[in-house]
PDB file of N, CA and C in Angstrom:
ATOM      1  N   UNK A   1       8.403  72.918  99.562  1.00  0.00           N
ATOM      2  CA  UNK A   1       7.693  72.068 100.490  1.00  0.00           C
ATOM      3  C   UNK A   1       8.656  71.050 101.083  1.00  0.00           C
ATOM      4  N   UNK A   2       8.982  70.029 100.352  1.00  0.00           N
ATOM      5  CA  UNK A   2       9.916  69.010 100.825  1.00  0.00           C
ATOM      6  C   UNK A   2      11.181  69.015  99.992  1.00  0.00           C
ATOM      7  N   UNK A   3      11.460  70.124  99.328  1.00  0.00           N
ATOM      8  CA  UNK A   3      12.619  70.187  98.458  1.00  0.00           C
ATOM      9  C   UNK A   3      12.339  69.545  97.111  1.00  0.00           C
ATOM     10  N   UNK A   4      11.064  69.396  96.770  1.00  0.00           N
ATOM     11  CA  UNK A   4      10.674  68.770  95.504  1.00  0.00           C
ATOM     12  C   UNK A   4      10.007  69.838  94.648  1.00  0.00           C
ATOM     13  N   UNK A   5      10.481  69.997  93.426  1.00  0.00           N
ATOM     14  CA  UNK A   5       9.834  70.968  92.545  1.00  0.00           C
ATOM     15  C   UNK A   5       8.679  70.298  91.799  1.00  0.00           C
ATOM     16  N   UNK A   6       7.981  71.051  90.964  1.00  0.00           N
ATOM     17  CA  UNK A   6       6.785  70.542  90.284  1.00  0.00           C
ATOM     18  C   UNK A   6       7.066  69.356  89.379  1.00  0.00           C
ATOM     19  N   UNK A   7       8.144  69.428  88.614  1.00  0.00           N
ATOM     20  CA  UNK A   7       8.468  68.328  87.705  1.00  0.00           C
ATOM     21  C   UNK A   7       8.773  67.041  88.444  1.00  0.00           C
ATOM     22  N   UNK A   8       9.513  67.159  89.522  1.00  0.00           N
ATOM     23  CA  UNK A   8       9.832  65.961  90.321  1.00  0.00           C
ATOM     24  C   UNK A   8       8.571  65.378  90.944  1.00  0.00           C
ATOM     25  N   UNK A   9       7.642  66.238  91.385  1.00  0.00           N
ATOM     26  CA  UNK A   9       6.392  65.755  91.980  1.00  0.00           C
ATOM     27  C   UNK A   9       5.573  64.983  90.950  1.00  0.00           C
ATOM     28  N   UNK A  10       5.517  65.494  89.726  1.00  0.00           N
ATOM     29  CA  UNK A  10       4.773  64.801  88.667  1.00  0.00           C
ATOM     30  C   UNK A  10       5.391  63.438  88.386  1.00  0.00           C
ATOM     31  N   UNK A  11       6.718  63.391  88.333  1.00  0.00           N
ATOM     32  CA  UNK A  11       7.398  62.112  88.091  1.00  0.00           C
ATOM     33  C   UNK A  11       7.110  61.125  89.213  1.00  0.00           C
ATOM     34  N   UNK A  12       7.118  61.606  90.466  1.00  0.00           N
ATOM     35  CA  UNK A  12       6.821  60.720  91.589  1.00  0.00           C
ATOM     36  C   UNK A  12       5.382  60.203  91.537  1.00  0.00           C
ATOM     37  N   UNK A  13       4.439  61.065  91.168  1.00  0.00           N
ATOM     38  CA  UNK A  13       3.038  60.639  91.069  1.00  0.00           C
ATOM     39  C   UNK A  13       2.885  59.598  89.969  1.00  0.00           C
ATOM     40  N   UNK A  14       3.498  59.856  88.810  1.00  0.00           N
ATOM     41  CA  UNK A  14       3.404  58.889  87.710  1.00  0.00           C
ATOM     42  C   UNK A  14       4.068  57.564  88.072  1.00  0.00           C
ATOM     43  N   UNK A  15       5.190  57.631  88.770  1.00  0.00           N
ATOM     44  CA  UNK A  15       5.872  56.417  89.213  1.00  0.00           C
ATOM     45  C   UNK A  15       5.002  55.638  90.201  1.00  0.00           C
ATOM     46  N   UNK A  16       4.367  56.360  91.132  1.00  0.00           N
ATOM     47  CA  UNK A  16       3.474  55.703  92.095  1.00  0.00           C
ATOM     48  C   UNK A  16       2.294  55.061  91.374  1.00  0.00           C
ATOM     49  N   UNK A  17       1.726  55.755  90.387  1.00  0.00           N
ATOM     50  CA  UNK A  17       0.606  55.189  89.628  1.00  0.00           C
ATOM     51  C   UNK A  17       1.041  53.939  88.867  1.00  0.00           C
ATOM     52  N   UNK A  18       2.226  53.967  88.331  1.00  0.00           N
ATOM     53  CA  UNK A  18       2.731  52.812  87.588  1.00  0.00           C
ATOM     54  C   UNK A  18       2.969  51.624  88.524  1.00  0.00           C
ATOM     55  N   UNK A  19       3.527  51.885  89.700  1.00  0.00           N
ATOM     56  CA  UNK A  19       3.828  50.814  90.657  1.00  0.00           C
ATOM     57  C   UNK A  19       2.536  50.253  91.261  1.00  0.00           C
ATOM     58  N   UNK A  20       1.607  51.136  91.647  1.00  0.00           N
ATOM     59  CA  UNK A  20       0.353  50.684  92.268  1.00  0.00           C
ATOM     60  C   UNK A  20      -0.511  49.946  91.257  1.00  0.00           C
ATOM     61  N   UNK A  21      -0.608  50.478  90.078  1.00  0.00           N
ATOM     62  CA  UNK A  21      -1.412  49.823  89.048  1.00  0.00           C
ATOM     63  C   UNK A  21      -2.853  50.270  89.088  1.00  0.00           C
ATOM     64  N   UNK A  22      -3.557  50.114  87.981  1.00  0.00           N
ATOM     65  CA  UNK A  22      -4.944  50.600  87.897  1.00  0.00           C
ATOM     66  C   UNK A  22      -5.922  49.806  88.753  1.00  0.00           C
ATOM     67  N   UNK A  23      -5.615  48.532  89.042  1.00  0.00           N
ATOM     68  CA  UNK A  23      -6.586  47.752  89.821  1.00  0.00           C
ATOM     69  C   UNK A  23      -6.563  48.104  91.307  1.00  0.00           C
ATOM     70  N   UNK A  24      -5.418  48.541  91.831  1.00  0.00           N
ATOM     71  CA  UNK A  24      -5.342  48.897  93.261  1.00  0.00           C
ATOM     72  C   UNK A  24      -5.446  50.400  93.503  1.00  0.00           C
ATOM     73  N   UNK A  25      -5.480  51.210  92.468  1.00  0.00           N
ATOM     74  CA  UNK A  25      -5.515  52.667  92.602  1.00  0.00           C
ATOM     75  C   UNK A  25      -6.725  53.169  93.393  1.00  0.00           C
ATOM     76  N   UNK A  26      -7.956  52.688  93.137  1.00  0.00           N
ATOM     77  CA  UNK A  26      -9.100  53.180  93.937  1.00  0.00           C
ATOM     78  C   UNK A  26      -8.947  52.875  95.425  1.00  0.00           C
ATOM     79  N   UNK A  27      -8.379  51.733  95.749  1.00  0.00           N
ATOM     80  CA  UNK A  27      -8.186  51.372  97.163  1.00  0.00           C
ATOM     81  C   UNK A  27      -7.218  52.349  97.843  1.00  0.00           C
ATOM     82  N   UNK A  28      -6.113  52.662  97.172  1.00  0.00           N
ATOM     83  CA  UNK A  28      -5.135  53.577  97.754  1.00  0.00           C
ATOM     84  C   UNK A  28      -5.655  55.014  97.785  1.00  0.00           C
ATOM     85  N   UNK A  29      -6.472  55.391  96.814  1.00  0.00           N
ATOM     86  CA  UNK A  29      -7.082  56.725  96.825  1.00  0.00           C
ATOM     87  C   UNK A  29      -8.018  56.855  98.025  1.00  0.00           C
ATOM     88  N   UNK A  30      -8.775  55.789  98.316  1.00  0.00           N
ATOM     89  CA  UNK A  30      -9.664  55.794  99.482  1.00  0.00           C
ATOM     90  C   UNK A  30      -8.865  55.905 100.784  1.00  0.00           C
ATOM     91  N   UNK A  31      -7.745  55.174 100.866  1.00  0.00           N
ATOM     92  CA  UNK A  31      -6.890  55.256 102.058  1.00  0.00           C
ATOM     93  C   UNK A  31      -6.314  56.656 102.231  1.00  0.00           C
ATOM     94  N   UNK A  32      -5.908  57.286 101.124  1.00  0.00           N
ATOM     95  CA  UNK A  32      -5.379  58.650 101.190  1.00  0.00           C
ATOM     96  C   UNK A  32      -6.445  59.622 101.657  1.00  0.00           C
ATOM     97  N   UNK A  33      -7.685  59.432 101.158  1.00  0.00           N
ATOM     98  CA  UNK A  33      -8.798  60.285 101.567  1.00  0.00           C
ATOM     99  C   UNK A  33      -9.039  60.161 103.066  1.00  0.00           C
ATOM    100  N   UNK A  34      -9.057  58.935 103.578  1.00  0.00           N
ATOM    101  CA  UNK A  34      -9.263  58.715 105.015  1.00  0.00           C
ATOM    102  C   UNK A  34      -8.118  59.315 105.842  1.00  0.00           C
ATOM    103  N   UNK A  35      -6.907  59.212 105.336  1.00  0.00           N
ATOM    104  CA  UNK A  35      -5.753  59.784 106.032  1.00  0.00           C
ATOM    105  C   UNK A  35      -5.865  61.302 106.119  1.00  0.00           C
ATOM    106  N   UNK A  36      -6.263  61.937 105.036  1.00  0.00           N
ATOM    107  CA  UNK A  36      -6.427  63.402 105.037  1.00  0.00           C
ATOM    108  C   UNK A  36      -7.545  63.811 105.981  1.00  0.00           C
ATOM    109  N   UNK A  37      -8.650  63.064 105.968  1.00  0.00           N
ATOM    110  CA  UNK A  37      -9.757  63.371 106.882  1.00  0.00           C
ATOM    111  C   UNK A  37      -9.328  63.232 108.346  1.00  0.00           C
ATOM    112  N   UNK A  38      -8.588  62.171 108.655  1.00  0.00           N
ATOM    113  CA  UNK A  38      -8.130  61.959 110.033  1.00  0.00           C
ATOM    114  C   UNK A  38      -7.178  63.073 110.465  1.00  0.00           C
ATOM    115  N   UNK A  39      -6.308  63.498 109.570  1.00  0.00           N
ATOM    116  CA  UNK A  39      -5.382  64.585 109.904  1.00  0.00           C
ATOM    117  C   UNK A  39      -6.139  65.876 110.159  1.00  0.00           C
ATOM    118  N   UNK A  40      -7.176  66.132 109.366  1.00  0.00           N
ATOM    119  CA  UNK A  40      -7.984  67.337 109.552  1.00  0.00           C
ATOM    120  C   UNK A  40      -8.738  67.282 110.888  1.00  0.00           C
ATOM    121  N   UNK A  41      -9.311  66.111 111.213  1.00  0.00           N
ATOM    122  CA  UNK A  41     -10.004  65.957 112.504  1.00  0.00           C
ATOM    123  C   UNK A  41      -9.042  66.165 113.666  1.00  0.00           C
ATOM    124  N   UNK A  42      -7.843  65.613 113.534  1.00  0.00           N
ATOM    125  CA  UNK A  42      -6.844  65.752 114.596  1.00  0.00           C
ATOM    126  C   UNK A  42      -6.468  67.217 114.791  1.00  0.00           C
ATOM    127  N   UNK A  43      -6.237  67.934 113.696  1.00  0.00           N
ATOM    128  CA  UNK A  43      -5.857  69.343 113.786  1.00  0.00           C
ATOM    129  C   UNK A  43      -6.989  70.176 114.380  1.00  0.00           C
ATOM    130  N   UNK A  44      -8.224  69.895 113.953  1.00  0.00           N
ATOM    131  CA  UNK A  44      -9.369  70.625 114.487  1.00  0.00           C
ATOM    132  C   UNK A  44      -9.550  70.339 115.974  1.00  0.00           C
ATOM    133  N   UNK A  45      -9.413  69.074 116.352  1.00  0.00           N
ATOM    134  CA  UNK A  45      -9.534  68.712 117.768  1.00  0.00           C
ATOM    135  C   UNK A  45      -8.458  69.361 118.614  1.00  0.00           C
ATOM    136  N   UNK A  46      -7.245  69.410 118.091  1.00  0.00           N
ATOM    137  CA  UNK A  46      -6.156  70.049 118.840  1.00  0.00           C
ATOM    138  C   UNK A  46      -6.412  71.539 118.997  1.00  0.00           C
ATOM    139  N   UNK A  47      -6.938  72.176 117.952  1.00  0.00           N
ATOM    140  CA  UNK A  47      -7.253  73.599 118.022  1.00  0.00           C
ATOM    141  C   UNK A  47      -8.346  73.853 119.057  1.00  0.00           C
ATOM    142  N   UNK A  48      -9.394  73.042 119.028  1.00  0.00           N
ATOM    143  CA  UNK A  48     -10.482  73.203 119.993  1.00  0.00           C
ATOM    144  C   UNK A  48      -9.995  72.968 121.423  1.00  0.00           C
ATOM    145  N   UNK A  49      -9.161  71.956 121.610  1.00  0.00           N
ATOM    146  CA  UNK A  49      -8.636  71.676 122.950  1.00  0.00           C
ATOM    147  C   UNK A  49      -7.768  72.823 123.446  1.00  0.00           C
ATOM    148  N   UNK A  50      -6.992  73.412 122.558  1.00  0.00           N
ATOM    149  CA  UNK A  50      -6.154  74.553 122.930  1.00  0.00           C
ATOM    150  C   UNK A  50      -7.021  75.739 123.321  1.00  0.00           C
ATOM    151  N   UNK A  51      -8.096  75.983 122.574  1.00  0.00           N
ATOM    152  CA  UNK A  51      -8.997  77.089 122.902  1.00  0.00           C
ATOM    153  C   UNK A  51      -9.678  76.850 124.243  1.00  0.00           C
ATOM    154  N   UNK A  52     -10.062  75.593 124.514  1.00  0.00           N
ATOM    155  CA  UNK A  52     -10.679  75.264 125.806  1.00  0.00           C
ATOM    156  C   UNK A  52      -9.697  75.480 126.945  1.00  0.00           C
ATOM    157  N   UNK A  53      -8.466  75.051 126.742  1.00  0.00           N
ATOM    158  CA  UNK A  53      -7.462  75.139 127.796  1.00  0.00           C
ATOM    159  C   UNK A  53      -7.104  76.581 128.106  1.00  0.00           C
ATOM    160  N   UNK A  54      -6.907  77.399 127.062  1.00  0.00           N
ATOM    161  CA  UNK A  54      -6.448  78.768 127.269  1.00  0.00           C
ATOM    162  C   UNK A  54      -7.580  79.737 127.545  1.00  0.00           C
ATOM    163  N   UNK A  55      -8.790  79.354 127.243  1.00  0.00           N
ATOM    164  CA  UNK A  55      -9.930  80.193 127.574  1.00  0.00           C
ATOM    165  C   UNK A  55     -10.182  81.276 126.544  1.00  0.00           C
ATOM    166  N   UNK A  56     -11.077  82.200 126.876  1.00  0.00           N
ATOM    167  CA  UNK A  56     -11.483  83.230 125.906  1.00  0.00           C
ATOM    168  C   UNK A  56     -10.387  84.265 125.623  1.00  0.00           C
ATOM    169  N   UNK A  57      -9.411  84.404 126.501  1.00  0.00           N
ATOM    170  CA  UNK A  57      -8.379  85.424 126.268  1.00  0.00           C
ATOM    171  C   UNK A  57      -7.466  85.085 125.089  1.00  0.00           C
ATOM    172  N   UNK A  58      -7.510  83.850 124.604  1.00  0.00           N
ATOM    173  CA  UNK A  58      -6.691  83.475 123.446  1.00  0.00           C
ATOM    174  C   UNK A  58      -7.165  84.209 122.193  1.00  0.00           C
ATOM    175  N   UNK A  59      -8.444  84.581 122.152  1.00  0.00           N
ATOM    176  CA  UNK A  59      -8.974  85.294 120.988  1.00  0.00           C
ATOM    177  C   UNK A  59      -8.420  86.717 120.912  1.00  0.00           C
ATOM    178  N   UNK A  60      -7.959  87.267 122.042  1.00  0.00           N
ATOM    179  CA  UNK A  60      -7.460  88.635 122.069  1.00  0.00           C
ATOM    180  C   UNK A  60      -5.997  88.750 121.645  1.00  0.00           C
ATOM    181  N   UNK A  61      -5.310  87.644 121.428  1.00  0.00           N
ATOM    182  CA  UNK A  61      -3.890  87.680 121.082  1.00  0.00           C
ATOM    183  C   UNK A  61      -3.728  88.086 119.619  1.00  0.00           C
ATOM    184  N   UNK A  62      -2.841  89.047 119.375  1.00  0.00           N
ATOM    185  CA  UNK A  62      -2.533  89.465 118.003  1.00  0.00           C
ATOM    186  C   UNK A  62      -1.377  88.609 117.512  1.00  0.00           C
ATOM    187  N   UNK A  63      -1.696  87.541 116.767  1.00  0.00           N
ATOM    188  CA  UNK A  63      -0.680  86.582 116.342  1.00  0.00           C
ATOM    189  C   UNK A  63       0.268  87.180 115.320  1.00  0.00           C
ATOM    190  N   UNK A  64      -0.170  88.164 114.553  1.00  0.00           N
ATOM    191  CA  UNK A  64       0.714  88.780 113.557  1.00  0.00           C
ATOM    192  C   UNK A  64       1.883  89.491 114.231  1.00  0.00           C
ATOM    193  N   UNK A  65       1.631  90.019 115.413  1.00  0.00           N
ATOM    194  CA  UNK A  65       2.693  90.719 116.136  1.00  0.00           C
ATOM    195  C   UNK A  65       3.764  89.736 116.615  1.00  0.00           C
ATOM    196  N   UNK A  66       3.400  88.476 116.810  1.00  0.00           N
ATOM    197  CA  UNK A  66       4.328  87.467 117.303  1.00  0.00           C
ATOM    198  C   UNK A  66       4.970  86.646 116.189  1.00  0.00           C
ATOM    199  N   UNK A  67       4.689  86.972 114.945  1.00  0.00           N
ATOM    200  CA  UNK A  67       5.220  86.223 113.813  1.00  0.00           C
ATOM    201  C   UNK A  67       6.711  86.528 113.641  1.00  0.00           C
ATOM    202  N   UNK A  68       7.581  85.517 113.750  1.00  0.00           N
ATOM    203  CA  UNK A  68       9.022  85.786 113.658  1.00  0.00           C
ATOM    204  C   UNK A  68       9.477  86.222 112.280  1.00  0.00           C
ATOM    205  N   UNK A  69       8.655  86.014 111.252  1.00  0.00           N
ATOM    206  CA  UNK A  69       9.050  86.422 109.902  1.00  0.00           C
ATOM    207  C   UNK A  69       9.057  87.932 109.728  1.00  0.00           C
ATOM    208  N   UNK A  70       8.390  88.661 110.622  1.00  0.00           N
ATOM    209  CA  UNK A  70       8.328  90.106 110.478  1.00  0.00           C
ATOM    210  C   UNK A  70       9.567  90.809 111.029  1.00  0.00           C
ATOM    211  N   UNK A  71      10.397  90.110 111.774  1.00  0.00           N
ATOM    212  CA  UNK A  71      11.538  90.739 112.407  1.00  0.00           C
ATOM    213  C   UNK A  71      12.719  90.807 111.458  1.00  0.00           C
ATOM    214  N   UNK A  72      13.321  91.966 111.384  1.00  0.00           N
ATOM    215  CA  UNK A  72      14.511  92.173 110.584  1.00  0.00           C
ATOM    216  C   UNK A  72      15.677  92.315 111.565  1.00  0.00           C
ATOM    217  N   UNK A  73      16.667  91.441 111.510  1.00  0.00           N
ATOM    218  CA  UNK A  73      17.779  91.517 112.471  1.00  0.00           C
ATOM    219  C   UNK A  73      18.470  92.874 112.471  1.00  0.00           C
ATOM    220  N   UNK A  74      18.552  93.511 111.316  1.00  0.00           N
ATOM    221  CA  UNK A  74      19.211  94.827 111.263  1.00  0.00           C
ATOM    222  C   UNK A  74      18.435  95.846 112.086  1.00  0.00           C
ATOM    223  N   UNK A  75      17.105  95.798 112.014  1.00  0.00           N
ATOM    224  CA  UNK A  75      16.287  96.729 112.787  1.00  0.00           C
ATOM    225  C   UNK A  75      16.426  96.460 114.278  1.00  0.00           C
ATOM    226  N   UNK A  76      16.448  95.206 114.659  1.00  0.00           N
ATOM    227  CA  UNK A  76      16.580  94.855 116.073  1.00  0.00           C
ATOM    228  C   UNK A  76      17.900  95.363 116.625  1.00  0.00           C
ATOM    229  N   UNK A  77      18.992  95.153 115.883  1.00  0.00           N
ATOM    230  CA  UNK A  77      20.312  95.611 116.335  1.00  0.00           C
ATOM    231  C   UNK A  77      20.347  97.127 116.400  1.00  0.00           C
ATOM    232  N   UNK A  78      19.785  97.784 115.383  1.00  0.00           N
ATOM    233  CA  UNK A  78      19.783  99.252 115.356  1.00  0.00           C
ATOM    234  C   UNK A  78      19.027  99.804 116.561  1.00  0.00           C
ATOM    235  N   UNK A  79      17.867  99.225 116.877  1.00  0.00           N
ATOM    236  CA  UNK A  79      17.090  99.689 118.024  1.00  0.00           C
ATOM    237  C   UNK A  79      17.842  99.438 119.325  1.00  0.00           C
ATOM    238  N   UNK A  80      18.518  98.290 119.426  1.00  0.00           N
ATOM    239  CA  UNK A  80      19.254  97.982 120.647  1.00  0.00           C
ATOM    240  C   UNK A  80      20.420  98.950 120.832  1.00  0.00           C
ATOM    241  N   UNK A  81      21.071  99.327 119.744  1.00  0.00           N
ATOM    242  CA  UNK A  81      22.212 100.240 119.852  1.00  0.00           C
ATOM    243  C   UNK A  81      21.779 101.671 120.138  1.00  0.00           C
ATOM    244  N   UNK A  82      20.599 102.052 119.680  1.00  0.00           N
ATOM    245  CA  UNK A  82      20.137 103.423 119.872  1.00  0.00           C
ATOM    246  C   UNK A  82      19.354 103.619 121.158  1.00  0.00           C
ATOM    247  N   UNK A  83      19.067 102.534 121.876  1.00  0.00           N
ATOM    248  CA  UNK A  83      18.340 102.649 123.142  1.00  0.00           C
ATOM    249  C   UNK A  83      19.175 103.404 124.149  1.00  0.00           C
ATOM    250  N   UNK A  84      18.479 104.174 124.968  1.00  0.00           N
ATOM    251  CA  UNK A  84      19.182 104.849 126.061  1.00  0.00           C
ATOM    252  C   UNK A  84      19.561 103.811 127.105  1.00  0.00           C
ATOM    253  N   UNK A  85      20.729 104.019 127.698  1.00  0.00           N
ATOM    254  CA  UNK A  85      21.144 103.116 128.768  1.00  0.00           C
ATOM    255  C   UNK A  85      20.239 103.314 129.968  1.00  0.00           C
ATOM    256  N   UNK A  86      20.281 102.347 130.858  1.00  0.00           N
ATOM    257  CA  UNK A  86      19.482 102.453 132.077  1.00  0.00           C
ATOM    258  C   UNK A  86      19.956 103.662 132.875  1.00  0.00           C
ATOM    259  N   UNK A  87      19.033 104.357 133.524  1.00  0.00           N
ATOM    260  CA  UNK A  87      19.461 105.492 134.342  1.00  0.00           C
ATOM    261  C   UNK A  87      20.330 105.009 135.506  1.00  0.00           C
ATOM    262  N   UNK A  88      21.240 105.876 135.897  1.00  0.00           N
ATOM    263  CA  UNK A  88      22.156 105.523 136.992  1.00  0.00           C
ATOM    264  C   UNK A  88      21.357 105.305 138.270  1.00  0.00           C
ATOM    265  N   UNK A  89      21.680 104.231 138.955  1.00  0.00           N
ATOM    266  CA  UNK A  89      21.009 103.925 140.214  1.00  0.00           C
ATOM    267  C   UNK A  89      21.789 104.571 141.363  1.00  0.00           C
ATOM    268  N   UNK A  90      21.071 105.009 142.361  1.00  0.00           N
ATOM    269  CA  UNK A  90      21.796 105.572 143.511  1.00  0.00           C
ATOM    270  C   UNK A  90      22.582 104.478 144.220  1.00  0.00           C
ATOM    271  N   UNK A  91      23.657 104.854 144.806  1.00  0.00           N
ATOM    272  CA  UNK A  91      24.488 103.896 145.513  1.00  0.00           C
ATOM    273  C   UNK A  91      25.921 103.992 145.034  1.00  0.00           C
ATOM    274  N   UNK A  92      26.740 103.096 145.500  1.00  0.00           N
ATOM    275  CA  UNK A  92      28.158 103.182 145.126  1.00  0.00           C
ATOM    276  C   UNK A  92      28.346 102.916 143.634  1.00  0.00           C
ATOM    277  N   UNK A  93      29.173 103.715 143.033  1.00  0.00           N
ATOM    278  CA  UNK A  93      29.471 103.565 141.622  1.00  0.00           C
ATOM    279  C   UNK A  93      30.686 102.669 141.454  1.00  0.00           C
ATOM    280  N   UNK A  94      30.633 101.798 140.466  1.00  0.00           N
ATOM    281  CA  UNK A  94      31.770 100.924 140.192  1.00  0.00           C
ATOM    282  C   UNK A  94      32.791 101.706 139.378  1.00  0.00           C
ATOM    283  N   UNK A  95      34.058 101.564 139.688  1.00  0.00           N
ATOM    284  CA  UNK A  95      35.061 102.286 138.906  1.00  0.00           C
ATOM    285  C   UNK A  95      35.137 101.719 137.490  1.00  0.00           C
ATOM    286  N   UNK A  96      35.366 102.593 136.541  1.00  0.00           N
ATOM    287  CA  UNK A  96      35.499 102.190 135.151  1.00  0.00           C
ATOM    288  C   UNK A  96      36.944 101.750 134.948  1.00  0.00           C
ATOM    289  N   UNK A  97      37.196 100.550 134.455  1.00  0.00           N
ATOM    290  CA  UNK A  97      38.574 100.089 134.282  1.00  0.00           C
ATOM    291  C   UNK A  97      39.286 100.910 133.200  1.00  0.00           C
ATOM    292  N   UNK A  98      40.557 101.134 133.432  1.00  0.00           N
ATOM    293  CA  UNK A  98      41.370 101.868 132.477  1.00  0.00           C
ATOM    294  C   UNK A  98      41.991 100.853 131.525  1.00  0.00           C
ATOM    295  N   UNK A  99      41.775 101.069 130.240  1.00  0.00           N
ATOM    296  CA  UNK A  99      42.310 100.164 129.245  1.00  0.00           C
ATOM    297  C   UNK A  99      43.589 100.757 128.665  1.00  0.00           C
ATOM    298  N   UNK A 100      44.617  99.963 128.622  1.00  0.00           N
ATOM    299  CA  UNK A 100      45.866 100.413 128.014  1.00  0.00           C
ATOM    300  C   UNK A 100      46.238  99.455 126.898  1.00  0.00           C
ATOM    301  N   UNK A 101      46.840  99.998 125.860  1.00  0.00           N
ATOM    302  CA  UNK A 101      47.263  99.171 124.739  1.00  0.00           C
ATOM    303  C   UNK A 101      48.644  98.604 125.030  1.00  0.00           C
ATOM    304  N   UNK A 102      48.863  97.402 124.530  1.00  0.00           N
ATOM    305  CA  UNK A 102      50.169  96.774 124.678  1.00  0.00           C
ATOM    306  C   UNK A 102      51.122  97.356 123.644  1.00  0.00           C
ATOM    307  N   UNK A 103      52.362  97.494 124.048  1.00  0.00           N
ATOM    308  CA  UNK A 103      53.388  97.953 123.113  1.00  0.00           C
ATOM    309  C   UNK A 103      53.688  96.808 122.143  1.00  0.00           C
ATOM    310  N   UNK A 104      54.150  97.132 120.944  1.00  0.00           N
ATOM    311  CA  UNK A 104      54.489  96.063 119.997  1.00  0.00           C
ATOM    312  C   UNK A 104      55.509  95.106 120.616  1.00  0.00           C
ATOM    313  N   UNK A 105      55.212  93.822 120.558  1.00  0.00           N
ATOM    314  CA  UNK A 105      56.097  92.804 121.103  1.00  0.00           C
ATOM    315  C   UNK A 105      55.869  92.507 122.575  1.00  0.00           C
ATOM    316  N   UNK A 106      55.050  93.312 123.267  1.00  0.00           N
ATOM    317  CA  UNK A 106      54.790  93.095 124.692  1.00  0.00           C
ATOM    318  C   UNK A 106      53.766  91.979 124.842  1.00  0.00           C
ATOM    319  N   UNK A 107      53.990  91.100 125.819  1.00  0.00           N
ATOM    320  CA  UNK A 107      53.088  89.980 126.048  1.00  0.00           C
ATOM    321  C   UNK A 107      51.922  90.414 126.933  1.00  0.00           C
ATOM    322  N   UNK A 108      50.772  89.835 126.676  1.00  0.00           N
ATOM    323  CA  UNK A 108      49.587  90.135 127.472  1.00  0.00           C
ATOM    324  C   UNK A 108      49.738  89.519 128.851  1.00  0.00           C
ATOM    325  N   UNK A 109      49.152  90.170 129.867  1.00  0.00           N
ATOM    326  CA  UNK A 109      49.237  89.598 131.210  1.00  0.00           C
ATOM    327  C   UNK A 109      48.511  88.251 131.244  1.00  0.00           C
ATOM    328  N   UNK A 110      49.004  87.360 132.079  1.00  0.00           N
ATOM    329  CA  UNK A 110      48.465  86.015 132.171  1.00  0.00           C
ATOM    330  C   UNK A 110      48.113  85.718 133.614  1.00  0.00           C
ATOM    331  N   UNK A 111      46.921  85.254 133.839  1.00  0.00           N
ATOM    332  CA  UNK A 111      46.467  84.921 135.191  1.00  0.00           C
ATOM    333  C   UNK A 111      46.546  83.423 135.366  1.00  0.00           C
ATOM    334  N   UNK A 112      47.411  82.955 136.249  1.00  0.00           N
ATOM    335  CA  UNK A 112      47.606  81.524 136.445  1.00  0.00           C
ATOM    336  C   UNK A 112      46.413  80.863 137.141  1.00  0.00           C
ATOM    337  N   UNK A 113      45.590  81.666 137.818  1.00  0.00           N
ATOM    338  CA  UNK A 113      44.449  81.096 138.533  1.00  0.00           C
ATOM    339  C   UNK A 113      43.189  81.043 137.668  1.00  0.00           C
ATOM    340  N   UNK A 114      43.225  81.695 136.520  1.00  0.00           N
ATOM    341  CA  UNK A 114      42.058  81.686 135.636  1.00  0.00           C
ATOM    342  C   UNK A 114      41.995  80.349 134.904  1.00  0.00           C
ATOM    343  N   UNK A 115      40.785  79.946 134.590  1.00  0.00           N
ATOM    344  CA  UNK A 115      40.635  78.696 133.853  1.00  0.00           C
ATOM    345  C   UNK A 115      40.013  78.946 132.510  1.00  0.00           C
TER     346      UNK A 115
END
């Protein structure tokens, strides 16, 4: 959750109880309850407003298909590599550049106008 494991959470709760004290504990529990209720109202209101704004077609969206946790990068790369290239378009064809290897010790060409 916040990088806190169960034992640390228990220690924090006990520390908070010790610092707050038994006489102020009901007051802070009531404040926490109101805070949780307000957060729930806010989330519900935001959801309703989103549904109003986007209309009835929002119900037709398959959210599981859009979940980024389902994507495996290896599968995406494999599919991209195995896809057929775009079909050749009619019109002038661009020449394919000829690649040559440099001989050992030969310097690569340098373009003074390139940045």
